[in-house]
Amino acid sequence: MSLQPLLDEIEVLKAEYEKFERGNKSAGTRARKSLQNIKKVCQDLRIKIQEDKKA
């Protein structure tokens, strides 16, 4: 696993959050979904790092 999925999701979050700040309320929902995806990717990456460390 690389950092690319995390970086991609951060880009999505950035775009949606900027839309939300300009007043697009539905972009807020998409930004929250992106944050949830970031949480999942981070957890997966954390597990992978721990497994590699133990190996």
PDB file of N, CA and C in Angstrom:
ATOM      1  N   MET A   1       0.850  -1.179   0.000  1.00  0.00           N
ATOM      2  CA  MET A   1       0.000   0.000   0.000  1.00  0.00           C
ATOM      3  C   MET A   1       0.891   1.235   0.000  1.00  0.00           C
ATOM      4  N   SER A   2       0.510   2.193  -0.783  1.00  0.00           N
ATOM      5  CA  SER A   2       1.263   3.441  -0.844  1.00  0.00           C
ATOM      6  C   SER A   2       0.417   4.575  -0.269  1.00  0.00           C
ATOM      7  N   LEU A   3       0.978   5.736  -0.271  1.00  0.00           N
ATOM      8  CA  LEU A   3       0.270   6.912   0.226  1.00  0.00           C
ATOM      9  C   LEU A   3      -0.680   7.496  -0.814  1.00  0.00           C
ATOM     10  N   GLN A   4      -0.603   7.018  -2.052  1.00  0.00           N
ATOM     11  CA  GLN A   4      -1.387   7.626  -3.123  1.00  0.00           C
ATOM     12  C   GLN A   4      -2.896   7.621  -2.856  1.00  0.00           C
ATOM     13  N   PRO A   5      -3.488   6.531  -2.363  1.00  0.00           N
ATOM     14  CA  PRO A   5      -4.934   6.587  -2.077  1.00  0.00           C
ATOM     15  C   PRO A   5      -5.287   7.675  -1.064  1.00  0.00           C
ATOM     16  N   LEU A   6      -4.440   7.865  -0.078  1.00  0.00           N
ATOM     17  CA  LEU A   6      -4.676   8.907   0.922  1.00  0.00           C
ATOM     18  C   LEU A   6      -4.568  10.292   0.287  1.00  0.00           C
ATOM     19  N   LEU A   7      -3.556  10.500  -0.525  1.00  0.00           N
ATOM     20  CA  LEU A   7      -3.368  11.784  -1.188  1.00  0.00           C
ATOM     21  C   LEU A   7      -4.526  12.087  -2.142  1.00  0.00           C
ATOM     22  N   ASP A   8      -4.993  11.057  -2.846  1.00  0.00           N
ATOM     23  CA  ASP A   8      -6.125  11.244  -3.757  1.00  0.00           C
ATOM     24  C   ASP A   8      -7.378  11.666  -2.995  1.00  0.00           C
ATOM     25  N   GLU A   9      -7.611  11.015  -1.878  1.00  0.00           N
ATOM     26  CA  GLU A   9      -8.801  11.327  -1.083  1.00  0.00           C
ATOM     27  C   GLU A   9      -8.704  12.720  -0.472  1.00  0.00           C
ATOM     28  N   ILE A  10      -7.514  13.133  -0.110  1.00  0.00           N
ATOM     29  CA  ILE A  10      -7.323  14.486   0.413  1.00  0.00           C
ATOM     30  C   ILE A  10      -7.636  15.517  -0.661  1.00  0.00           C
ATOM     31  N   GLU A  11      -7.277  15.238  -1.896  1.00  0.00           N
ATOM     32  CA  GLU A  11      -7.596  16.146  -3.002  1.00  0.00           C
ATOM     33  C   GLU A  11      -9.111  16.262  -3.191  1.00  0.00           C
ATOM     34  N   VAL A  12      -9.804  15.134  -3.084  1.00  0.00           N
ATOM     35  CA  VAL A  12     -11.267  15.145  -3.184  1.00  0.00           C
ATOM     36  C   VAL A  12     -11.848  15.997  -2.061  1.00  0.00           C
ATOM     37  N   LEU A  13     -11.360  15.783  -0.843  1.00  0.00           N
ATOM     38  CA  LEU A  13     -11.821  16.567   0.304  1.00  0.00           C
ATOM     39  C   LEU A  13     -11.593  18.052   0.070  1.00  0.00           C
ATOM     40  N   LYS A  14     -10.423  18.393  -0.397  1.00  0.00           N
ATOM     41  CA  LYS A  14     -10.101  19.805  -0.629  1.00  0.00           C
ATOM     42  C   LYS A  14     -11.084  20.441  -1.610  1.00  0.00           C
ATOM     43  N   ALA A  15     -11.352  19.757  -2.707  1.00  0.00           N
ATOM     44  CA  ALA A  15     -12.265  20.283  -3.724  1.00  0.00           C
ATOM     45  C   ALA A  15     -13.677  20.439  -3.166  1.00  0.00           C
ATOM     46  N   GLU A  16     -14.164  19.438  -2.472  1.00  0.00           N
ATOM     47  CA  GLU A  16     -15.525  19.487  -1.934  1.00  0.00           C
ATOM     48  C   GLU A  16     -15.647  20.527  -0.824  1.00  0.00           C
ATOM     49  N   TYR A  17     -14.616  20.654   0.004  1.00  0.00           N
ATOM     50  CA  TYR A  17     -14.681  21.627   1.082  1.00  0.00           C
ATOM     51  C   TYR A  17     -14.679  23.058   0.531  1.00  0.00           C
ATOM     52  N   GLU A  18     -13.915  23.278  -0.526  1.00  0.00           N
ATOM     53  CA  GLU A  18     -13.915  24.601  -1.149  1.00  0.00           C
ATOM     54  C   GLU A  18     -15.296  24.937  -1.708  1.00  0.00           C
ATOM     55  N   LYS A  19     -15.960  23.949  -2.307  1.00  0.00           N
ATOM     56  CA  LYS A  19     -17.326  24.161  -2.807  1.00  0.00           C
ATOM     57  C   LYS A  19     -18.271  24.470  -1.644  1.00  0.00           C
ATOM     58  N   PHE A  20     -18.091  23.748  -0.538  1.00  0.00           N
ATOM     59  CA  PHE A  20     -18.929  23.963   0.642  1.00  0.00           C
ATOM     60  C   PHE A  20     -18.752  25.382   1.183  1.00  0.00           C
ATOM     61  N   GLU A  21     -17.510  25.842   1.240  1.00  0.00           N
ATOM     62  CA  GLU A  21     -17.256  27.193   1.742  1.00  0.00           C
ATOM     63  C   GLU A  21     -17.886  28.268   0.865  1.00  0.00           C
ATOM     64  N   ARG A  22     -18.079  27.971  -0.417  1.00  0.00           N
ATOM     65  CA  ARG A  22     -18.714  28.927  -1.326  1.00  0.00           C
ATOM     66  C   ARG A  22     -20.238  28.847  -1.241  1.00  0.00           C
ATOM     67  N   GLY A  23     -20.757  27.968  -0.393  1.00  0.00           N
ATOM     68  CA  GLY A  23     -22.192  27.933  -0.160  1.00  0.00           C
ATOM     69  C   GLY A  23     -22.922  26.710  -0.683  1.00  0.00           C
ATOM     70  N   ASN A  24     -22.222  25.763  -1.281  1.00  0.00           N
ATOM     71  CA  ASN A  24     -22.846  24.558  -1.794  1.00  0.00           C
ATOM     72  C   ASN A  24     -23.023  23.573  -0.630  1.00  0.00           C
ATOM     73  N   LYS A  25     -24.247  23.497  -0.115  1.00  0.00           N
ATOM     74  CA  LYS A  25     -24.509  22.671   1.072  1.00  0.00           C
ATOM     75  C   LYS A  25     -24.305  21.178   0.816  1.00  0.00           C
ATOM     76  N   SER A  26     -24.645  20.698  -0.377  1.00  0.00           N
ATOM     77  CA  SER A  26     -24.482  19.268  -0.659  1.00  0.00           C
ATOM     78  C   SER A  26     -23.008  18.882  -0.735  1.00  0.00           C
ATOM     79  N   ALA A  27     -22.132  19.831  -1.022  1.00  0.00           N
ATOM     80  CA  ALA A  27     -20.699  19.549  -1.016  1.00  0.00           C
ATOM     81  C   ALA A  27     -20.231  19.233   0.400  1.00  0.00           C
ATOM     82  N   GLY A  28     -20.909  19.755   1.398  1.00  0.00           N
ATOM     83  CA  GLY A  28     -20.582  19.433   2.784  1.00  0.00           C
ATOM     84  C   GLY A  28     -20.778  17.959   3.073  1.00  0.00           C
ATOM     85  N   THR A  29     -21.840  17.386   2.530  1.00  0.00           N
ATOM     86  CA  THR A  29     -22.091  15.954   2.696  1.00  0.00           C
ATOM     87  C   THR A  29     -20.986  15.150   2.036  1.00  0.00           C
ATOM     88  N   ARG A  30     -20.606  15.560   0.830  1.00  0.00           N
ATOM     89  CA  ARG A  30     -19.535  14.853   0.122  1.00  0.00           C
ATOM     90  C   ARG A  30     -18.199  15.016   0.845  1.00  0.00           C
ATOM     91  N   ALA A  31     -17.967  16.174   1.447  1.00  0.00           N
ATOM     92  CA  ALA A  31     -16.737  16.391   2.212  1.00  0.00           C
ATOM     93  C   ALA A  31     -16.697  15.472   3.436  1.00  0.00           C
ATOM     94  N   ARG A  32     -17.823  15.341   4.109  1.00  0.00           N
ATOM     95  CA  ARG A  32     -17.870  14.439   5.269  1.00  0.00           C
ATOM     96  C   ARG A  32     -17.634  12.996   4.849  1.00  0.00           C
ATOM     97  N   LYS A  33     -18.198  12.600   3.718  1.00  0.00           N
ATOM     98  CA  LYS A  33     -17.974  11.244   3.204  1.00  0.00           C
ATOM     99  C   LYS A  33     -16.489  11.044   2.899  1.00  0.00           C
ATOM    100  N   SER A  34     -15.867  12.049   2.326  1.00  0.00           N
ATOM    101  CA  SER A  34     -14.446  11.973   2.023  1.00  0.00           C
ATOM    102  C   SER A  34     -13.623  11.833   3.297  1.00  0.00           C
ATOM    103  N   LEU A  35     -13.999  12.564   4.331  1.00  0.00           N
ATOM    104  CA  LEU A  35     -13.312  12.440   5.619  1.00  0.00           C
ATOM    105  C   LEU A  35     -13.435  11.023   6.182  1.00  0.00           C
ATOM    106  N   GLN A  36     -14.597  10.430   6.006  1.00  0.00           N
ATOM    107  CA  GLN A  36     -14.791   9.049   6.466  1.00  0.00           C
ATOM    108  C   GLN A  36     -13.894   8.099   5.680  1.00  0.00           C
ATOM    109  N   ASN A  37     -13.776   8.334   4.366  1.00  0.00           N
ATOM    110  CA  ASN A  37     -12.894   7.510   3.546  1.00  0.00           C
ATOM    111  C   ASN A  37     -11.437   7.689   3.949  1.00  0.00           C
ATOM    112  N   ILE A  38     -11.057   8.922   4.287  1.00  0.00           N
ATOM    113  CA  ILE A  38      -9.689   9.185   4.740  1.00  0.00           C
ATOM    114  C   ILE A  38      -9.416   8.401   6.025  1.00  0.00           C
ATOM    115  N   LYS A  39     -10.385   8.388   6.907  1.00  0.00           N
ATOM    116  CA  LYS A  39     -10.238   7.642   8.163  1.00  0.00           C
ATOM    117  C   LYS A  39      -9.984   6.163   7.877  1.00  0.00           C
ATOM    118  N   LYS A  40     -10.742   5.602   6.931  1.00  0.00           N
ATOM    119  CA  LYS A  40     -10.587   4.193   6.590  1.00  0.00           C
ATOM    120  C   LYS A  40      -9.219   3.926   5.962  1.00  0.00           C
ATOM    121  N   VAL A  41      -8.806   4.778   5.041  1.00  0.00           N
ATOM    122  CA  VAL A  41      -7.504   4.607   4.386  1.00  0.00           C
ATOM    123  C   VAL A  41      -6.380   4.712   5.412  1.00  0.00           C
ATOM    124  N   CYS A  42      -6.499   5.659   6.333  1.00  0.00           N
ATOM    125  CA  CYS A  42      -5.482   5.819   7.376  1.00  0.00           C
ATOM    126  C   CYS A  42      -5.396   4.575   8.253  1.00  0.00           C
ATOM    127  N   GLN A  43      -6.534   4.032   8.610  1.00  0.00           N
ATOM    128  CA  GLN A  43      -6.542   2.821   9.445  1.00  0.00           C
ATOM    129  C   GLN A  43      -5.900   1.655   8.706  1.00  0.00           C
ATOM    130  N   ASP A  44      -6.235   1.498   7.419  1.00  0.00           N
ATOM    131  CA  ASP A  44      -5.631   0.424   6.621  1.00  0.00           C
ATOM    132  C   ASP A  44      -4.117   0.598   6.526  1.00  0.00           C
ATOM    133  N   LEU A  45      -3.688   1.830   6.316  1.00  0.00           N
ATOM    134  CA  LEU A  45      -2.264   2.109   6.231  1.00  0.00           C
ATOM    135  C   LEU A  45      -1.570   1.851   7.565  1.00  0.00           C
ATOM    136  N   ARG A  46      -2.234   2.219   8.640  1.00  0.00           N
ATOM    137  CA  ARG A  46      -1.679   1.993   9.976  1.00  0.00           C
ATOM    138  C   ARG A  46      -1.473   0.496  10.238  1.00  0.00           C
ATOM    139  N   ILE A  47      -2.456  -0.304   9.854  1.00  0.00           N
ATOM    140  CA  ILE A  47      -2.358  -1.756  10.031  1.00  0.00           C
ATOM    141  C   ILE A  47      -1.219  -2.314   9.190  1.00  0.00           C
ATOM    142  N   LYS A  48      -1.104  -1.847   7.946  1.00  0.00           N
ATOM    143  CA  LYS A  48      -0.045  -2.318   7.045  1.00  0.00           C
ATOM    144  C   LYS A  48       1.326  -1.981   7.610  1.00  0.00           C
ATOM    145  N   ILE A  49       1.493  -0.783   8.128  1.00  0.00           N
ATOM    146  CA  ILE A  49       2.773  -0.388   8.712  1.00  0.00           C
ATOM    147  C   ILE A  49       3.110  -1.268   9.905  1.00  0.00           C
ATOM    148  N   GLN A  50       2.121  -1.528  10.738  1.00  0.00           N
ATOM    149  CA  GLN A  50       2.340  -2.376  11.920  1.00  0.00           C
ATOM    150  C   GLN A  50       2.728  -3.792  11.509  1.00  0.00           C
ATOM    151  N   GLU A  51       2.073  -4.338  10.493  1.00  0.00           N
ATOM    152  CA  GLU A  51       2.409  -5.684  10.020  1.00  0.00           C
ATOM    153  C   GLU A  51       3.822  -5.736   9.455  1.00  0.00           C
ATOM    154  N   ASP A  52       4.190  -4.714   8.680  1.00  0.00           N
ATOM    155  CA  ASP A  52       5.537  -4.667   8.114  1.00  0.00           C
ATOM    156  C   ASP A  52       6.599  -4.528   9.209  1.00  0.00           C
ATOM    157  N   LYS A  53       6.260  -3.789  10.251  1.00  0.00           N
ATOM    158  CA  LYS A  53       7.184  -3.597  11.350  1.00  0.00           C
ATOM    159  C   LYS A  53       7.449  -4.922  12.088  1.00  0.00           C
ATOM    160  N   LYS A  54       6.404  -5.723  12.227  1.00  0.00           N
ATOM    161  CA  LYS A  54       6.528  -6.994  12.933  1.00  0.00           C
ATOM    162  C   LYS A  54       7.238  -8.055  12.094  1.00  0.00           C
ATOM    163  N   ALA A  55       7.184  -7.906  10.774  1.00  0.00           N
ATOM    164  CA  ALA A  55       7.756  -8.931   9.885  1.00  0.00           C
ATOM    165  C   ALA A  55       9.279  -8.889   9.872  1.00  0.00           C
TER     166      ALA A  55
END
